[in-house]
Amino acid sequence: MTKTLNAIYDGKAFWPEKPLNLSPDTRVRLIIDIVETSKKKSSSFLQTARNLNLDGPKDWSSNLEDYLYGENKDVNE
């Protein structure tokens, strides 16, 4: 009987991604075929924020407190 399964090797043992329908102590032959994983290109927060294409007022950064809290808080309060 031949079964194909995906597993992850942790440096010591292979761990199947799904349970196997095998009795304990069943002898098997493993043939290793390394699967290429898709490596996502990491991006910075700024790149992610720019890709969101948010639409809003031009003065967001200079009036952040107004937008967050509804009014400009005085530092001396």
N, C-alpha and C. Protein backbone atom coordinates (compact mmCIF):
# COMPACT_ATOMS: atom_id res chain seq x y z
N MET A 1 0.86 -1.18 0.00
CA MET A 1 0.00 0.00 0.00
C MET A 1 0.90 1.23 0.00
N THR A 2 0.55 2.21 -0.81
CA THR A 2 1.31 3.46 -0.88
C THR A 2 0.42 4.62 -0.44
N LYS A 3 0.97 5.46 0.42
CA LYS A 3 0.27 6.66 0.88
C LYS A 3 1.22 7.83 0.70
N THR A 4 0.67 8.96 0.34
CA THR A 4 1.45 10.18 0.27
C THR A 4 0.95 11.11 1.37
N LEU A 5 1.87 11.64 2.14
CA LEU A 5 1.47 12.54 3.21
C LEU A 5 2.49 13.66 3.32
N ASN A 6 2.07 14.74 3.91
CA ASN A 6 2.95 15.86 4.18
C ASN A 6 3.33 15.81 5.65
N ALA A 7 4.60 16.09 5.93
CA ALA A 7 5.09 16.07 7.30
C ALA A 7 6.09 17.19 7.48
N ILE A 8 6.35 17.51 8.73
CA ILE A 8 7.33 18.52 9.09
C ILE A 8 8.41 17.86 9.92
N TYR A 9 9.66 18.13 9.56
CA TYR A 9 10.79 17.58 10.30
C TYR A 9 11.26 18.62 11.30
N ASP A 10 11.31 18.27 12.59
CA ASP A 10 11.69 19.22 13.63
C ASP A 10 13.15 19.11 14.04
N GLY A 11 13.93 18.38 13.28
CA GLY A 11 15.34 18.19 13.62
C GLY A 11 15.60 16.84 14.24
N LYS A 12 14.55 16.17 14.72
CA LYS A 12 14.69 14.85 15.33
C LYS A 12 13.70 13.84 14.77
N ALA A 13 12.52 14.30 14.43
CA ALA A 13 11.47 13.38 13.99
C ALA A 13 10.59 14.04 12.94
N PHE A 14 9.90 13.21 12.17
CA PHE A 14 8.92 13.69 11.20
C PHE A 14 7.55 13.69 11.86
N TRP A 15 6.82 14.80 11.69
CA TRP A 15 5.49 14.92 12.26
C TRP A 15 4.49 15.10 11.13
N PRO A 16 3.60 14.11 10.92
CA PRO A 16 2.60 14.23 9.86
C PRO A 16 1.67 15.41 10.12
N GLU A 17 1.27 16.08 9.04
CA GLU A 17 0.36 17.21 9.17
C GLU A 17 -1.07 16.74 9.48
N LYS A 18 -1.41 15.52 9.10
CA LYS A 18 -2.73 14.95 9.38
C LYS A 18 -2.53 13.58 10.02
N PRO A 19 -3.49 13.13 10.84
CA PRO A 19 -3.37 11.81 11.46
C PRO A 19 -3.31 10.69 10.41
N LEU A 20 -2.56 9.64 10.74
CA LEU A 20 -2.43 8.49 9.85
C LEU A 20 -3.29 7.35 10.36
N ASN A 21 -3.81 6.58 9.44
CA ASN A 21 -4.60 5.41 9.80
C ASN A 21 -3.67 4.20 9.81
N LEU A 22 -2.73 4.19 10.76
CA LEU A 22 -1.77 3.11 10.89
C LEU A 22 -1.75 2.63 12.33
N SER A 23 -1.54 1.34 12.50
CA SER A 23 -1.40 0.78 13.85
C SER A 23 -0.03 1.14 14.41
N PRO A 24 0.08 1.27 15.72
CA PRO A 24 1.40 1.52 16.31
C PRO A 24 2.39 0.41 15.94
N ASP A 25 3.64 0.77 15.82
CA ASP A 25 4.74 -0.15 15.48
C ASP A 25 4.66 -0.68 14.05
N THR A 26 3.88 -0.04 13.19
CA THR A 26 3.85 -0.42 11.78
C THR A 26 5.13 0.08 11.12
N ARG A 27 5.82 -0.79 10.42
CA ARG A 27 7.05 -0.40 9.73
C ARG A 27 6.69 0.25 8.40
N VAL A 28 7.35 1.36 8.10
CA VAL A 28 7.10 2.08 6.86
C VAL A 28 8.44 2.44 6.22
N ARG A 29 8.41 2.77 4.95
CA ARG A 29 9.59 3.26 4.24
C ARG A 29 9.31 4.71 3.86
N LEU A 30 10.22 5.59 4.25
CA LEU A 30 10.05 7.00 3.94
C LEU A 30 10.94 7.36 2.76
N ILE A 31 10.36 8.03 1.79
CA ILE A 31 11.10 8.60 0.67
C ILE A 31 10.92 10.11 0.80
N ILE A 32 12.02 10.81 0.97
CA ILE A 32 11.95 12.24 1.25
C ILE A 32 11.95 13.04 -0.05
N ASP A 33 10.92 13.86 -0.21
CA ASP A 33 10.81 14.79 -1.33
C ASP A 33 10.58 16.16 -0.71
N ILE A 34 11.59 17.01 -0.71
CA ILE A 34 11.49 18.30 -0.04
C ILE A 34 10.56 19.22 -0.84
N VAL A 35 9.57 19.77 -0.17
CA VAL A 35 8.57 20.64 -0.78
C VAL A 35 9.04 22.08 -0.62
N GLU A 36 9.08 22.80 -1.72
CA GLU A 36 9.45 24.21 -1.67
C GLU A 36 8.31 24.99 -1.02
N THR A 37 8.66 25.79 -0.04
CA THR A 37 7.66 26.65 0.58
C THR A 37 7.75 28.03 -0.04
N SER A 38 6.62 28.65 -0.17
CA SER A 38 6.62 30.00 -0.74
C SER A 38 7.10 30.97 0.32
N LYS A 39 8.17 31.66 0.02
CA LYS A 39 8.71 32.63 0.96
C LYS A 39 8.13 33.99 0.62
N LYS A 40 7.39 34.52 1.57
CA LYS A 40 6.79 35.83 1.37
C LYS A 40 7.85 36.89 1.61
N LYS A 41 7.88 37.85 0.73
CA LYS A 41 8.79 38.96 0.88
C LYS A 41 8.29 39.82 2.03
N SER A 42 9.13 40.00 3.04
CA SER A 42 8.71 40.82 4.16
C SER A 42 8.73 42.29 3.75
N SER A 43 7.80 43.02 4.30
CA SER A 43 7.74 44.44 3.97
C SER A 43 7.68 45.23 5.27
N SER A 44 8.07 46.46 5.18
CA SER A 44 8.06 47.32 6.35
C SER A 44 6.62 47.78 6.63
N PHE A 45 6.44 48.33 7.82
CA PHE A 45 5.13 48.86 8.17
C PHE A 45 4.73 49.96 7.20
N LEU A 46 5.68 50.81 6.84
CA LEU A 46 5.38 51.91 5.93
C LEU A 46 4.92 51.39 4.57
N GLN A 47 5.57 50.35 4.05
CA GLN A 47 5.14 49.76 2.78
C GLN A 47 3.73 49.19 2.89
N THR A 48 3.45 48.52 4.00
CA THR A 48 2.12 47.96 4.22
C THR A 48 1.08 49.07 4.30
N ALA A 49 1.38 50.12 5.04
CA ALA A 49 0.44 51.24 5.17
C ALA A 49 0.18 51.90 3.83
N ARG A 50 1.22 52.07 3.03
CA ARG A 50 1.03 52.69 1.72
C ARG A 50 0.18 51.81 0.80
N ASN A 51 0.32 50.50 0.93
CA ASN A 51 -0.46 49.58 0.09
C ASN A 51 -1.93 49.55 0.46
N LEU A 52 -2.28 50.05 1.65
CA LEU A 52 -3.69 50.07 2.06
C LEU A 52 -4.49 51.11 1.30
N ASN A 53 -3.81 52.08 0.70
CA ASN A 53 -4.47 53.14 -0.07
C ASN A 53 -5.58 53.82 0.74
N LEU A 54 -5.25 54.20 1.96
CA LEU A 54 -6.22 54.87 2.82
C LEU A 54 -6.49 56.28 2.30
N ASP A 55 -7.73 56.68 2.42
CA ASP A 55 -8.12 58.01 1.99
C ASP A 55 -8.51 58.81 3.22
N GLY A 56 -7.93 59.97 3.37
CA GLY A 56 -8.25 60.78 4.53
C GLY A 56 -7.65 62.16 4.39
N PRO A 57 -7.81 62.97 5.43
CA PRO A 57 -7.30 64.33 5.37
C PRO A 57 -5.78 64.36 5.28
N LYS A 58 -5.26 65.40 4.65
CA LYS A 58 -3.82 65.54 4.44
C LYS A 58 -3.08 65.83 5.75
N ASP A 59 -3.80 66.33 6.77
CA ASP A 59 -3.13 66.73 8.01
C ASP A 59 -3.22 65.68 9.12
N TRP A 60 -3.36 64.43 8.76
CA TRP A 60 -3.46 63.37 9.77
C TRP A 60 -2.31 63.41 10.76
N SER A 61 -1.08 63.48 10.26
CA SER A 61 0.06 63.40 11.16
C SER A 61 0.18 64.63 12.05
N SER A 62 -0.12 65.80 11.54
CA SER A 62 0.04 67.00 12.35
C SER A 62 -1.11 67.20 13.33
N ASN A 63 -2.27 66.60 13.09
CA ASN A 63 -3.43 66.75 13.97
C ASN A 63 -3.90 65.39 14.51
N LEU A 64 -2.97 64.52 14.81
CA LEU A 64 -3.31 63.17 15.26
C LEU A 64 -4.20 63.18 16.49
N GLU A 65 -3.88 64.02 17.49
CA GLU A 65 -4.67 64.06 18.72
C GLU A 65 -6.12 64.48 18.45
N ASP A 66 -6.29 65.41 17.53
CA ASP A 66 -7.65 65.83 17.18
C ASP A 66 -8.45 64.67 16.61
N TYR A 67 -7.84 63.88 15.76
CA TYR A 67 -8.54 62.76 15.14
C TYR A 67 -8.74 61.60 16.11
N LEU A 68 -7.79 61.41 17.01
CA LEU A 68 -7.93 60.31 17.97
C LEU A 68 -8.89 60.64 19.11
N TYR A 69 -8.76 61.86 19.65
CA TYR A 69 -9.49 62.20 20.88
C TYR A 69 -10.60 63.24 20.66
N GLY A 70 -10.69 63.83 19.48
CA GLY A 70 -11.75 64.76 19.20
C GLY A 70 -11.42 66.20 19.48
N GLU A 71 -10.33 66.44 20.18
CA GLU A 71 -9.92 67.82 20.44
C GLU A 71 -8.43 67.81 20.74
N ASN A 72 -7.81 68.94 20.56
CA ASN A 72 -6.38 69.07 20.82
C ASN A 72 -6.17 69.26 22.32
N LYS A 73 -5.47 68.32 22.96
CA LYS A 73 -5.22 68.38 24.40
C LYS A 73 -4.04 69.30 24.66
N ASP A 74 -4.19 70.18 25.67
CA ASP A 74 -3.09 71.09 26.05
C ASP A 74 -2.10 70.32 26.89
N VAL A 75 -0.82 70.48 26.62
CA VAL A 75 0.23 69.76 27.35
C VAL A 75 0.25 70.15 28.82
N ASN A 76 -0.13 71.37 29.16
CA ASN A 76 -0.07 71.86 30.54
C ASN A 76 -1.26 71.45 31.39
N GLU A 77 -2.22 70.75 30.85
CA GLU A 77 -3.42 70.37 31.63
C GLU A 77 -3.10 69.28 32.61
